[in-house]
PDB file of N, CA and C in Angstrom:
ATOM      1  N   MET A   1      25.536 125.694 144.219  1.00  0.00           N
ATOM      2  CA  MET A   1      26.239 124.563 144.793  1.00  0.00           C
ATOM      3  C   MET A   1      27.337 125.101 145.684  1.00  0.00           C
ATOM      4  N   GLY A   2      27.301 124.787 146.948  1.00  0.00           N
ATOM      5  CA  GLY A   2      28.276 125.285 147.906  1.00  0.00           C
ATOM      6  C   GLY A   2      29.426 124.322 148.089  1.00  0.00           C
ATOM      7  N   VAL A   3      30.333 124.701 148.939  1.00  0.00           N
ATOM      8  CA  VAL A   3      31.479 123.871 149.256  1.00  0.00           C
ATOM      9  C   VAL A   3      31.034 122.754 150.191  1.00  0.00           C
ATOM     10  N   SER A   4      31.522 121.559 149.941  1.00  0.00           N
ATOM     11  CA  SER A   4      31.156 120.417 150.766  1.00  0.00           C
ATOM     12  C   SER A   4      31.708 120.586 152.180  1.00  0.00           C
ATOM     13  N   THR A   5      30.871 120.311 153.161  1.00  0.00           N
ATOM     14  CA  THR A   5      31.316 120.369 154.557  1.00  0.00           C
ATOM     15  C   THR A   5      31.436 118.977 155.151  1.00  0.00           C
ATOM     16  N   LYS A   6      31.290 117.959 154.320  1.00  0.00           N
ATOM     17  CA  LYS A   6      31.433 116.588 154.802  1.00  0.00           C
ATOM     18  C   LYS A   6      32.893 116.325 155.161  1.00  0.00           C
ATOM     19  N   PRO A   7      33.140 115.468 156.142  1.00  0.00           N
ATOM     20  CA  PRO A   7      34.521 115.061 156.404  1.00  0.00           C
ATOM     21  C   PRO A   7      35.101 114.418 155.146  1.00  0.00           C
ATOM     22  N   ILE A   8      36.399 114.528 154.975  1.00  0.00           N
ATOM     23  CA  ILE A   8      37.047 114.015 153.767  1.00  0.00           C
ATOM     24  C   ILE A   8      36.701 112.553 153.525  1.00  0.00           C
ATOM     25  N   SER A   9      36.640 111.757 154.576  1.00  0.00           N
ATOM     26  CA  SER A   9      36.386 110.331 154.414  1.00  0.00           C
ATOM     27  C   SER A   9      34.996 110.056 153.838  1.00  0.00           C
ATOM     28  N   GLN A  10      34.073 111.019 153.945  1.00  0.00           N
ATOM     29  CA  GLN A  10      32.717 110.820 153.447  1.00  0.00           C
ATOM     30  C   GLN A  10      32.446 111.593 152.158  1.00  0.00           C
ATOM     31  N   ARG A  11      33.403 112.396 151.705  1.00  0.00           N
ATOM     32  CA  ARG A  11      33.196 113.219 150.521  1.00  0.00           C
ATOM     33  C   ARG A  11      33.098 112.331 149.288  1.00  0.00           C
ATOM     34  N   ALA A  12      32.183 112.659 148.401  1.00  0.00           N
ATOM     35  CA  ALA A  12      32.030 111.915 147.155  1.00  0.00           C
ATOM     36  C   ALA A  12      32.887 112.572 146.084  1.00  0.00           C
ATOM     37  N   TYR A  13      33.848 111.846 145.543  1.00  0.00           N
ATOM     38  CA  TYR A  13      34.707 112.348 144.481  1.00  0.00           C
ATOM     39  C   TYR A  13      34.233 111.825 143.134  1.00  0.00           C
ATOM     40  N   LEU A  14      34.532 112.554 142.092  1.00  0.00           N
ATOM     41  CA  LEU A  14      34.229 112.098 140.742  1.00  0.00           C
ATOM     42  C   LEU A  14      35.032 110.838 140.441  1.00  0.00           C
ATOM     43  N   GLN A  15      34.503 109.997 139.574  1.00  0.00           N
ATOM     44  CA  GLN A  15      35.192 108.771 139.185  1.00  0.00           C
ATOM     45  C   GLN A  15      36.562 109.092 138.578  1.00  0.00           C
ATOM     46  N   THR A  16      36.647 110.153 137.769  1.00  0.00           N
ATOM     47  CA  THR A  16      37.935 110.508 137.163  1.00  0.00           C
ATOM     48  C   THR A  16      38.945 110.930 138.228  1.00  0.00           C
ATOM     49  N   THR A  17      38.489 111.585 139.274  1.00  0.00           N
ATOM     50  CA  THR A  17      39.375 111.984 140.363  1.00  0.00           C
ATOM     51  C   THR A  17      39.909 110.748 141.072  1.00  0.00           C
ATOM     52  N   ARG A  18      39.026 109.813 141.371  1.00  0.00           N
ATOM     53  CA  ARG A  18      39.452 108.580 142.049  1.00  0.00           C
ATOM     54  C   ARG A  18      40.426 107.787 141.178  1.00  0.00           C
ATOM     55  N   ALA A  19      40.133 107.703 139.875  1.00  0.00           N
ATOM     56  CA  ALA A  19      41.001 106.962 138.964  1.00  0.00           C
ATOM     57  C   ALA A  19      42.370 107.635 138.843  1.00  0.00           C
ATOM     58  N   THR A  20      42.392 108.963 138.799  1.00  0.00           N
ATOM     59  CA  THR A  20      43.653 109.694 138.702  1.00  0.00           C
ATOM     60  C   THR A  20      44.498 109.479 139.949  1.00  0.00           C
ATOM     61  N   ALA A  21      43.875 109.525 141.122  1.00  0.00           N
ATOM     62  CA  ALA A  21      44.604 109.303 142.376  1.00  0.00           C
ATOM     63  C   ALA A  21      45.169 107.884 142.423  1.00  0.00           C
ATOM     64  N   LYS A  22      44.380 106.926 141.959  1.00  0.00           N
ATOM     65  CA  LYS A  22      44.842 105.534 141.946  1.00  0.00           C
ATOM     66  C   LYS A  22      46.019 105.371 140.985  1.00  0.00           C
ATOM     67  N   LEU A  23      45.927 105.982 139.806  1.00  0.00           N
ATOM     68  CA  LEU A  23      47.014 105.910 138.827  1.00  0.00           C
ATOM     69  C   LEU A  23      48.280 106.557 139.379  1.00  0.00           C
ATOM     70  N   LEU A  24      48.147 107.732 139.993  1.00  0.00           N
ATOM     71  CA  LEU A  24      49.308 108.400 140.563  1.00  0.00           C
ATOM     72  C   LEU A  24      49.931 107.536 141.652  1.00  0.00           C
ATOM     73  N   GLY A  25      49.120 106.944 142.483  1.00  0.00           N
ATOM     74  CA  GLY A  25      49.637 106.050 143.525  1.00  0.00           C
ATOM     75  C   GLY A  25      50.400 104.872 142.944  1.00  0.00           C
ATOM     76  N   GLN A  26      49.872 104.303 141.865  1.00  0.00           N
ATOM     77  CA  GLN A  26      50.551 103.182 141.222  1.00  0.00           C
ATOM     78  C   GLN A  26      51.872 103.623 140.594  1.00  0.00           C
ATOM     79  N   ARG A  27      51.883 104.819 139.992  1.00  0.00           N
ATOM     80  CA  ARG A  27      53.117 105.343 139.393  1.00  0.00           C
ATOM     81  C   ARG A  27      54.172 105.602 140.471  1.00  0.00           C
ATOM     82  N   ILE A  28      53.738 106.089 141.633  1.00  0.00           N
ATOM     83  CA  ILE A  28      54.659 106.295 142.756  1.00  0.00           C
ATOM     84  C   ILE A  28      55.229 104.955 143.214  1.00  0.00           C
ATOM     85  N   ARG A  29      54.366 103.958 143.314  1.00  0.00           N
ATOM     86  CA  ARG A  29      54.834 102.631 143.749  1.00  0.00           C
ATOM     87  C   ARG A  29      55.831 102.054 142.750  1.00  0.00           C
ATOM     88  N   ILE A  30      55.542 102.189 141.463  1.00  0.00           N
ATOM     89  CA  ILE A  30      56.461 101.705 140.424  1.00  0.00           C
ATOM     90  C   ILE A  30      57.812 102.400 140.555  1.00  0.00           C
ATOM     91  N   ALA A  31      57.805 103.722 140.727  1.00  0.00           N
ATOM     92  CA  ALA A  31      59.060 104.474 140.859  1.00  0.00           C
ATOM     93  C   ALA A  31      59.837 104.028 142.094  1.00  0.00           C
ATOM     94  N   ARG A  32      59.106 103.786 143.198  1.00  0.00           N
ATOM     95  CA  ARG A  32      59.758 103.324 144.425  1.00  0.00           C
ATOM     96  C   ARG A  32      60.396 101.957 144.219  1.00  0.00           C
ATOM     97  N   LEU A  33      59.647 101.035 143.614  1.00  0.00           N
ATOM     98  CA  LEU A  33      60.154  99.680 143.397  1.00  0.00           C
ATOM     99  C   LEU A  33      61.328  99.674 142.427  1.00  0.00           C
ATOM    100  N   ARG A  34      61.285 100.533 141.406  1.00  0.00           N
ATOM    101  CA  ARG A  34      62.413 100.617 140.461  1.00  0.00           C
ATOM    102  C   ARG A  34      63.687 101.077 141.163  1.00  0.00           C
ATOM    103  N   ARG A  35      63.540 101.881 142.212  1.00  0.00           N
ATOM    104  CA  ARG A  35      64.706 102.330 142.979  1.00  0.00           C
ATOM    105  C   ARG A  35      65.152 101.259 143.978  1.00  0.00           C
ATOM    106  N   GLY A  36      64.340 100.210 144.110  1.00  0.00           N
ATOM    107  CA  GLY A  36      64.690  99.140 145.032  1.00  0.00           C
ATOM    108  C   GLY A  36      64.461  99.495 146.490  1.00  0.00           C
ATOM    109  N   TRP A  37      63.528 100.413 146.733  1.00  0.00           N
ATOM    110  CA  TRP A  37      63.258 100.873 148.096  1.00  0.00           C
ATOM    111  C   TRP A  37      62.061 100.139 148.685  1.00  0.00           C
ATOM    112  N   SER A  38      62.173  99.803 149.938  1.00  0.00           N
ATOM    113  CA  SER A  38      61.031  99.254 150.675  1.00  0.00           C
ATOM    114  C   SER A  38      60.081 100.402 151.005  1.00  0.00           C
ATOM    115  N   GLU A  39      58.902 100.039 151.468  1.00  0.00           N
ATOM    116  CA  GLU A  39      57.957 101.073 151.917  1.00  0.00           C
ATOM    117  C   GLU A  39      58.566 101.903 153.037  1.00  0.00           C
ATOM    118  N   THR A  40      59.218 101.222 153.963  1.00  0.00           N
ATOM    119  CA  THR A  40      59.807 101.916 155.113  1.00  0.00           C
ATOM    120  C   THR A  40      60.889 102.894 154.665  1.00  0.00           C
ATOM    121  N   GLU A  41      61.755 102.466 153.763  1.00  0.00           N
ATOM    122  CA  GLU A  41      62.833 103.345 153.294  1.00  0.00           C
ATOM    123  C   GLU A  41      62.290 104.568 152.568  1.00  0.00           C
ATOM    124  N   ALA A  42      61.323 104.367 151.685  1.00  0.00           N
ATOM    125  CA  ALA A  42      60.745 105.493 150.956  1.00  0.00           C
ATOM    126  C   ALA A  42      60.026 106.447 151.907  1.00  0.00           C
ATOM    127  N   ALA A  43      59.307 105.893 152.872  1.00  0.00           N
ATOM    128  CA  ALA A  43      58.590 106.730 153.838  1.00  0.00           C
ATOM    129  C   ALA A  43      59.566 107.570 154.656  1.00  0.00           C
ATOM    130  N   GLU A  44      60.673 106.950 155.080  1.00  0.00           N
ATOM    131  CA  GLU A  44      61.681 107.697 155.842  1.00  0.00           C
ATOM    132  C   GLU A  44      62.283 108.814 155.003  1.00  0.00           C
ATOM    133  N   ARG A  45      62.582 108.546 153.738  1.00  0.00           N
ATOM    134  CA  ARG A  45      63.170 109.559 152.856  1.00  0.00           C
ATOM    135  C   ARG A  45      62.211 110.725 152.631  1.00  0.00           C
ATOM    136  N   ALA A  46      60.908 110.432 152.611  1.00  0.00           N
ATOM    137  CA  ALA A  46      59.893 111.471 152.392  1.00  0.00           C
ATOM    138  C   ALA A  46      59.424 112.100 153.708  1.00  0.00           C
ATOM    139  N   HIS A  47      59.919 111.590 154.827  1.00  0.00           N
ATOM    140  CA  HIS A  47      59.519 112.083 156.154  1.00  0.00           C
ATOM    141  C   HIS A  47      58.010 111.953 156.372  1.00  0.00           C
ATOM    142  N   VAL A  48      57.486 110.788 155.987  1.00  0.00           N
ATOM    143  CA  VAL A  48      56.077 110.477 156.231  1.00  0.00           C
ATOM    144  C   VAL A  48      56.003 109.117 156.906  1.00  0.00           C
ATOM    145  N   ALA A  49      54.877 108.834 157.515  1.00  0.00           N
ATOM    146  CA  ALA A  49      54.666 107.518 158.116  1.00  0.00           C
ATOM    147  C   ALA A  49      54.486 106.475 157.015  1.00  0.00           C
ATOM    148  N   ARG A  50      54.881 105.256 157.313  1.00  0.00           N
ATOM    149  CA  ARG A  50      54.703 104.171 156.351  1.00  0.00           C
ATOM    150  C   ARG A  50      53.226 104.019 155.983  1.00  0.00           C
ATOM    151  N   ALA A  51      52.338 104.195 156.944  1.00  0.00           N
ATOM    152  CA  ALA A  51      50.898 104.093 156.678  1.00  0.00           C
ATOM    153  C   ALA A  51      50.457 105.173 155.685  1.00  0.00           C
ATOM    154  N   THR A  52      51.066 106.359 155.761  1.00  0.00           N
ATOM    155  CA  THR A  52      50.739 107.430 154.809  1.00  0.00           C
ATOM    156  C   THR A  52      51.197 107.042 153.412  1.00  0.00           C
ATOM    157  N   LEU A  53      52.396 106.498 153.314  1.00  0.00           N
ATOM    158  CA  LEU A  53      52.900 106.021 152.024  1.00  0.00           C
ATOM    159  C   LEU A  53      51.949 104.980 151.439  1.00  0.00           C
ATOM    160  N   GLN A  54      51.493 104.065 152.259  1.00  0.00           N
ATOM    161  CA  GLN A  54      50.579 103.028 151.782  1.00  0.00           C
ATOM    162  C   GLN A  54      49.273 103.641 151.279  1.00  0.00           C
ATOM    163  N   LYS A  55      48.755 104.640 151.973  1.00  0.00           N
ATOM    164  CA  LYS A  55      47.530 105.311 151.532  1.00  0.00           C
ATOM    165  C   LYS A  55      47.746 105.986 150.177  1.00  0.00           C
ATOM    166  N   ILE A  56      48.884 106.644 150.035  1.00  0.00           N
ATOM    167  CA  ILE A  56      49.190 107.321 148.770  1.00  0.00           C
ATOM    168  C   ILE A  56      49.275 106.305 147.647  1.00  0.00           C
ATOM    169  N   GLU A  57      49.971 105.215 147.869  1.00  0.00           N
ATOM    170  CA  GLU A  57      50.129 104.200 146.835  1.00  0.00           C
ATOM    171  C   GLU A  57      48.808 103.511 146.494  1.00  0.00           C
ATOM    172  N   ARG A  58      47.862 103.495 147.425  1.00  0.00           N
ATOM    173  CA  ARG A  58      46.527 102.941 147.134  1.00  0.00           C
ATOM    174  C   ARG A  58      45.639 103.952 146.431  1.00  0.00           C
ATOM    175  N   GLY A  59      46.090 105.209 146.386  1.00  0.00           N
ATOM    176  CA  GLY A  59      45.298 106.240 145.733  1.00  0.00           C
ATOM    177  C   GLY A  59      44.219 106.830 146.616  1.00  0.00           C
ATOM    178  N   GLU A  60      44.387 106.702 147.918  1.00  0.00           N
ATOM    179  CA  GLU A  60      43.403 107.279 148.830  1.00  0.00           C
ATOM    180  C   GLU A  60      43.475 108.803 148.758  1.00  0.00           C
ATOM    181  N   LEU A  61      42.327 109.438 148.768  1.00  0.00           N
ATOM    182  CA  LEU A  61      42.247 110.881 148.600  1.00  0.00           C
ATOM    183  C   LEU A  61      42.261 111.649 149.916  1.00  0.00           C
ATOM    184  N   SER A  62      42.485 110.968 151.016  1.00  0.00           N
ATOM    185  CA  SER A  62      42.485 111.631 152.319  1.00  0.00           C
ATOM    186  C   SER A  62      43.847 112.210 152.683  1.00  0.00           C
ATOM    187  N   VAL A  63      44.870 111.942 151.874  1.00  0.00           N
ATOM    188  CA  VAL A  63      46.224 112.402 152.158  1.00  0.00           C
ATOM    189  C   VAL A  63      46.416 113.805 151.581  1.00  0.00           C
ATOM    190  N   ALA A  64      47.097 114.663 152.329  1.00  0.00           N
ATOM    191  CA  ALA A  64      47.351 116.030 151.869  1.00  0.00           C
ATOM    192  C   ALA A  64      48.141 116.026 150.563  1.00  0.00           C
ATOM    193  N   ALA A  65      47.774 116.923 149.674  1.00  0.00           N
ATOM    194  CA  ALA A  65      48.419 117.008 148.357  1.00  0.00           C
ATOM    195  C   ALA A  65      49.922 117.245 148.492  1.00  0.00           C
ATOM    196  N   GLY A  66      50.323 118.034 149.479  1.00  0.00           N
ATOM    197  CA  GLY A  66      51.744 118.310 149.667  1.00  0.00           C
ATOM    198  C   GLY A  66      52.546 117.053 149.944  1.00  0.00           C
ATOM    199  N   LEU A  67      51.969 116.129 150.689  1.00  0.00           N
ATOM    200  CA  LEU A  67      52.660 114.871 150.975  1.00  0.00           C
ATOM    201  C   LEU A  67      52.788 114.020 149.718  1.00  0.00           C
ATOM    202  N   VAL A  68      51.761 114.018 148.900  1.00  0.00           N
ATOM    203  CA  VAL A  68      51.810 113.266 147.647  1.00  0.00           C
ATOM    204  C   VAL A  68      52.895 113.848 146.738  1.00  0.00           C
ATOM    205  N   LEU A  69      52.926 115.174 146.619  1.00  0.00           N
ATOM    206  CA  LEU A  69      53.937 115.823 145.774  1.00  0.00           C
ATOM    207  C   LEU A  69      55.343 115.584 146.318  1.00  0.00           C
ATOM    208  N   GLU A  70      55.505 115.616 147.631  1.00  0.00           N
ATOM    209  CA  GLU A  70      56.809 115.349 148.238  1.00  0.00           C
ATOM    210  C   GLU A  70      57.274 113.936 147.907  1.00  0.00           C
ATOM    211  N   LEU A  71      56.365 112.990 147.998  1.00  0.00           N
ATOM    212  CA  LEU A  71      56.720 111.608 147.687  1.00  0.00           C
ATOM    213  C   LEU A  71      57.084 111.457 146.212  1.00  0.00           C
ATOM    214  N   CYS A  72      56.361 112.152 145.334  1.00  0.00           N
ATOM    215  CA  CYS A  72      56.711 112.137 143.903  1.00  0.00           C
ATOM    216  C   CYS A  72      58.146 112.604 143.711  1.00  0.00           C
ATOM    217  N   SER A  73      58.507 113.696 144.375  1.00  0.00           N
ATOM    218  CA  SER A  73      59.870 114.223 144.260  1.00  0.00           C
ATOM    219  C   SER A  73      60.900 113.231 144.785  1.00  0.00           C
ATOM    220  N   VAL A  74      60.604 112.626 145.919  1.00  0.00           N
ATOM    221  CA  VAL A  74      61.552 111.704 146.549  1.00  0.00           C
ATOM    222  C   VAL A  74      61.817 110.495 145.666  1.00  0.00           C
ATOM    223  N   VAL A  75      60.781 109.945 145.054  1.00  0.00           N
ATOM    224  CA  VAL A  75      60.976 108.743 144.225  1.00  0.00           C
ATOM    225  C   VAL A  75      61.359 109.087 142.789  1.00  0.00           C
ATOM    226  N   GLY A  76      61.418 110.385 142.470  1.00  0.00           N
ATOM    227  CA  GLY A  76      61.837 110.803 141.131  1.00  0.00           C
ATOM    228  C   GLY A  76      60.748 110.737 140.088  1.00  0.00           C
ATOM    229  N   LEU A  77      59.498 110.858 140.511  1.00  0.00           N
ATOM    230  CA  LEU A  77      58.375 110.815 139.578  1.00  0.00           C
ATOM    231  C   LEU A  77      58.006 112.244 139.191  1.00  0.00           C
ATOM    232  N   ALA A  78      58.313 112.609 137.952  1.00  0.00           N
ATOM    233  CA  ALA A  78      57.994 113.955 137.461  1.00  0.00           C
ATOM    234  C   ALA A  78      56.537 113.993 137.017  1.00  0.00           C
ATOM    235  N   ILE A  79      55.811 114.974 137.497  1.00  0.00           N
ATOM    236  CA  ILE A  79      54.404 115.115 137.119  1.00  0.00           C
ATOM    237  C   ILE A  79      54.265 116.020 135.908  1.00  0.00           C
ATOM    238  N   PHE A  80      55.076 117.074 135.867  1.00  0.00           N
ATOM    239  CA  PHE A  80      55.040 118.029 134.763  1.00  0.00           C
ATOM    240  C   PHE A  80      56.378 117.993 134.039  1.00  0.00           C
ATOM    241  N   GLY A  81      56.431 117.322 132.902  1.00  0.00           N
ATOM    242  CA  GLY A  81      57.676 117.265 132.141  1.00  0.00           C
ATOM    243  C   GLY A  81      58.719 116.414 132.831  1.00  0.00           C
ATOM    244  N   SER A  82      59.979 116.841 132.705  1.00  0.00           N
ATOM    245  CA  SER A  82      61.081 116.053 133.251  1.00  0.00           C
ATOM    246  C   SER A  82      61.248 116.235 134.748  1.00  0.00           C
ATOM    247  N   GLY A  83      60.694 117.325 135.292  1.00  0.00           N
ATOM    248  CA  GLY A  83      60.843 117.596 136.714  1.00  0.00           C
ATOM    249  C   GLY A  83      62.124 118.310 137.060  1.00  0.00           C
ATOM    250  N   SER A  84      62.943 118.648 136.043  1.00  0.00           N
ATOM    251  CA  SER A  84      64.187 119.359 136.327  1.00  0.00           C
ATOM    252  C   SER A  84      63.867 120.758 136.841  1.00  0.00           C
ATOM    253  N   PRO A  85      64.725 121.297 137.691  1.00  0.00           N
ATOM    254  CA  PRO A  85      64.477 122.651 138.207  1.00  0.00           C
ATOM    255  C   PRO A  85      64.321 123.693 137.097  1.00  0.00           C
ATOM    256  N   ALA A  86      65.117 123.593 136.052  1.00  0.00           N
ATOM    257  CA  ALA A  86      65.032 124.564 134.949  1.00  0.00           C
ATOM    258  C   ALA A  86      63.689 124.455 134.225  1.00  0.00           C
ATOM    259  N   GLU A  87      63.251 123.230 133.966  1.00  0.00           N
ATOM    260  CA  GLU A  87      61.969 123.057 133.278  1.00  0.00           C
ATOM    261  C   GLU A  87      60.810 123.528 134.157  1.00  0.00           C
ATOM    262  N   THR A  88      60.875 123.204 135.438  1.00  0.00           N
ATOM    263  CA  THR A  88      59.823 123.652 136.353  1.00  0.00           C
ATOM    264  C   THR A  88      59.782 125.176 136.415  1.00  0.00           C
ATOM    265  N   ALA A  89      60.949 125.826 136.465  1.00  0.00           N
ATOM    266  CA  ALA A  89      61.003 127.289 136.492  1.00  0.00           C
ATOM    267  C   ALA A  89      60.387 127.868 135.215  1.00  0.00           C
ATOM    268  N   GLY A  90      60.681 127.263 134.075  1.00  0.00           N
ATOM    269  CA  GLY A  90      60.105 127.720 132.815  1.00  0.00           C
ATOM    270  C   GLY A  90      58.594 127.564 132.792  1.00  0.00           C
ATOM    271  N   GLN A  91      58.112 126.450 133.322  1.00  0.00           N
ATOM    272  CA  GLN A  91      56.674 126.234 133.372  1.00  0.00           C
ATOM    273  C   GLN A  91      56.004 127.217 134.316  1.00  0.00           C
ATOM    274  N   LEU A  92      56.661 127.533 135.424  1.00  0.00           N
ATOM    275  CA  LEU A  92      56.118 128.529 136.354  1.00  0.00           C
ATOM    276  C   LEU A  92      56.043 129.903 135.688  1.00  0.00           C
ATOM    277  N   ASP A  93      57.073 130.254 134.928  1.00  0.00           N
ATOM    278  CA  ASP A  93      57.069 131.537 134.210  1.00  0.00           C
ATOM    279  C   ASP A  93      55.920 131.593 133.208  1.00  0.00           C
ATOM    280  N   ARG A  94      55.716 130.514 132.448  1.00  0.00           N
ATOM    281  CA  ARG A  94      54.610 130.474 131.476  1.00  0.00           C
ATOM    282  C   ARG A  94      53.258 130.562 132.169  1.00  0.00           C
ATOM    283  N   ALA A  95      53.130 129.896 133.312  1.00  0.00           N
ATOM    284  CA  ALA A  95      51.871 129.951 134.058  1.00  0.00           C
ATOM    285  C   ALA A  95      51.616 131.363 134.573  1.00  0.00           C
ATOM    286  N   ARG A  96      52.667 132.044 135.050  1.00  0.00           N
ATOM    287  CA  ARG A  96      52.511 133.438 135.509  1.00  0.00           C
ATOM    288  C   ARG A  96      52.041 134.332 134.371  1.00  0.00           C
ATOM    289  N   LEU A  97      52.626 134.157 133.189  1.00  0.00           N
ATOM    290  CA  LEU A  97      52.222 134.965 132.030  1.00  0.00           C
ATOM    291  C   LEU A  97      50.770 134.689 131.650  1.00  0.00           C
ATOM    292  N   GLU A  98      50.390 133.425 131.665  1.00  0.00           N
ATOM    293  CA  GLU A  98      49.010 133.070 131.330  1.00  0.00           C
ATOM    294  C   GLU A  98      48.037 133.647 132.358  1.00  0.00           C
ATOM    295  N   LEU A  99      48.388 133.565 133.629  1.00  0.00           N
ATOM    296  CA  LEU A  99      47.533 134.121 134.678  1.00  0.00           C
ATOM    297  C   LEU A  99      47.441 135.638 134.562  1.00  0.00           C
ATOM    298  N   ALA A 100      48.523 136.285 134.154  1.00  0.00           N
ATOM    299  CA  ALA A 100      48.512 137.748 134.001  1.00  0.00           C
ATOM    300  C   ALA A 100      47.551 138.180 132.903  1.00  0.00           C
ATOM    301  N   ALA A 101      47.322 137.317 131.912  1.00  0.00           N
ATOM    302  CA  ALA A 101      46.427 137.642 130.801  1.00  0.00           C
ATOM    303  C   ALA A 101      44.964 137.356 131.123  1.00  0.00           C
ATOM    304  N   LEU A 102      44.710 136.675 132.216  1.00  0.00           N
ATOM    305  CA  LEU A 102      43.348 136.321 132.605  1.00  0.00           C
ATOM    306  C   LEU A 102      42.843 137.286 133.677  1.00  0.00           C
ATOM    307  N   PRO A 103      41.515 137.362 133.852  1.00  0.00           N
ATOM    308  CA  PRO A 103      40.991 138.206 134.925  1.00  0.00           C
ATOM    309  C   PRO A 103      41.521 137.726 136.279  1.00  0.00           C
ATOM    310  N   ARG A 104      41.703 138.668 137.207  1.00  0.00           N
ATOM    311  CA  ARG A 104      42.208 138.308 138.537  1.00  0.00           C
ATOM    312  C   ARG A 104      41.222 137.432 139.289  1.00  0.00           C
ATOM    313  N   ARG A 105      39.947 137.670 139.098  1.00  0.00           N
ATOM    314  CA  ARG A 105      38.933 136.820 139.723  1.00  0.00           C
ATOM    315  C   ARG A 105      37.694 136.828 138.845  1.00  0.00           C
ATOM    316  N   VAL A 106      36.873 135.844 139.052  1.00  0.00           N
ATOM    317  CA  VAL A 106      35.633 135.700 138.307  1.00  0.00           C
ATOM    318  C   VAL A 106      34.506 135.658 139.324  1.00  0.00           C
ATOM    319  N   ARG A 107      33.547 136.498 139.114  1.00  0.00           N
ATOM    320  CA  ARG A 107      32.396 136.539 140.026  1.00  0.00           C
ATOM    321  C   ARG A 107      31.345 135.535 139.558  1.00  0.00           C
ATOM    322  N   ALA A 108      30.589 135.045 140.514  1.00  0.00           N
ATOM    323  CA  ALA A 108      29.507 134.115 140.187  1.00  0.00           C
ATOM    324  C   ALA A 108      28.491 134.844 139.314  1.00  0.00           C
ATOM    325  N   ARG A 109      28.021 134.158 138.314  1.00  0.00           N
ATOM    326  CA  ARG A 109      27.031 134.752 137.421  1.00  0.00           C
ATOM    327  C   ARG A 109      25.665 134.745 138.070  1.00  0.00           C
ATOM    328  N   LYS A 110      24.959 135.828 137.869  1.00  0.00           N
ATOM    329  CA  LYS A 110      23.591 135.887 138.375  1.00  0.00           C
ATOM    330  C   LYS A 110      22.683 135.212 137.354  1.00  0.00           C
ATOM    331  N   SER A 111      21.722 134.485 137.872  1.00  0.00           N
ATOM    332  CA  SER A 111      20.771 133.826 136.998  1.00  0.00           C
ATOM    333  C   SER A 111      19.918 134.874 136.295  1.00  0.00           C
ATOM    334  N   GLN A 112      19.884 134.795 134.970  1.00  0.00           N
ATOM    335  CA  GLN A 112      19.122 135.773 134.204  1.00  0.00           C
ATOM    336  C   GLN A 112      17.810 135.198 133.698  1.00  0.00           C
ATOM    337  N   GLY A 113      17.535 133.991 134.090  1.00  0.00           N
ATOM    338  CA  GLY A 113      16.288 133.360 133.657  1.00  0.00           C
ATOM    339  C   GLY A 113      16.364 132.958 132.187  1.00  0.00           C
ATOM    340  N   ILE A 114      15.268 132.508 131.670  1.00  0.00           N
ATOM    341  CA  ILE A 114      15.208 132.063 130.283  1.00  0.00           C
ATOM    342  C   ILE A 114      14.656 133.200 129.434  1.00  0.00           C
ATOM    343  N   ASP A 115      15.384 133.506 128.364  1.00  0.00           N
ATOM    344  CA  ASP A 115      14.936 134.555 127.444  1.00  0.00           C
ATOM    345  C   ASP A 115      14.188 133.870 126.312  1.00  0.00           C
ATOM    346  N   ASP A 116      12.863 133.840 126.427  1.00  0.00           N
ATOM    347  CA  ASP A 116      12.064 133.193 125.384  1.00  0.00           C
ATOM    348  C   ASP A 116      11.291 134.217 124.573  1.00  0.00           C
ATOM    349  N   ASN A 117      11.727 135.461 124.592  1.00  0.00           N
ATOM    350  CA  ASN A 117      11.093 136.511 123.832  1.00  0.00           C
ATOM    351  C   ASN A 117      11.794 136.646 122.483  1.00  0.00           C
ATOM    352  N   PHE A 118      11.341 135.863 121.510  1.00  0.00           N
ATOM    353  CA  PHE A 118      11.979 135.860 120.195  1.00  0.00           C
ATOM    354  C   PHE A 118      11.461 136.996 119.427  1.00  0.00           C
TER     355      PHE A 118
END
């Protein structure tokens, strides 16, 4: 199975991926509304177009991940824990340690066929 070369708008995503994006968009909208910000105000604070904010809040998967994460930060929506700099630094340290214990890369397995020689 190779990497999809379809344009993003035509790519087929898993149902769980679509549901997660929709949930994240709704959580961003809730955080924005709790702050009392209009779409325009939140978009300006995140340095994105209002149309981009609307796509994110609808859970559209065509928006760059960096823009989604930036908007999360702007509206105060923590994805991992509290979102405090200290907690994020601690999580980054733990992730580095975990990655150090794993192989640097994994090669594709070669098909060995079916071993039916009992």
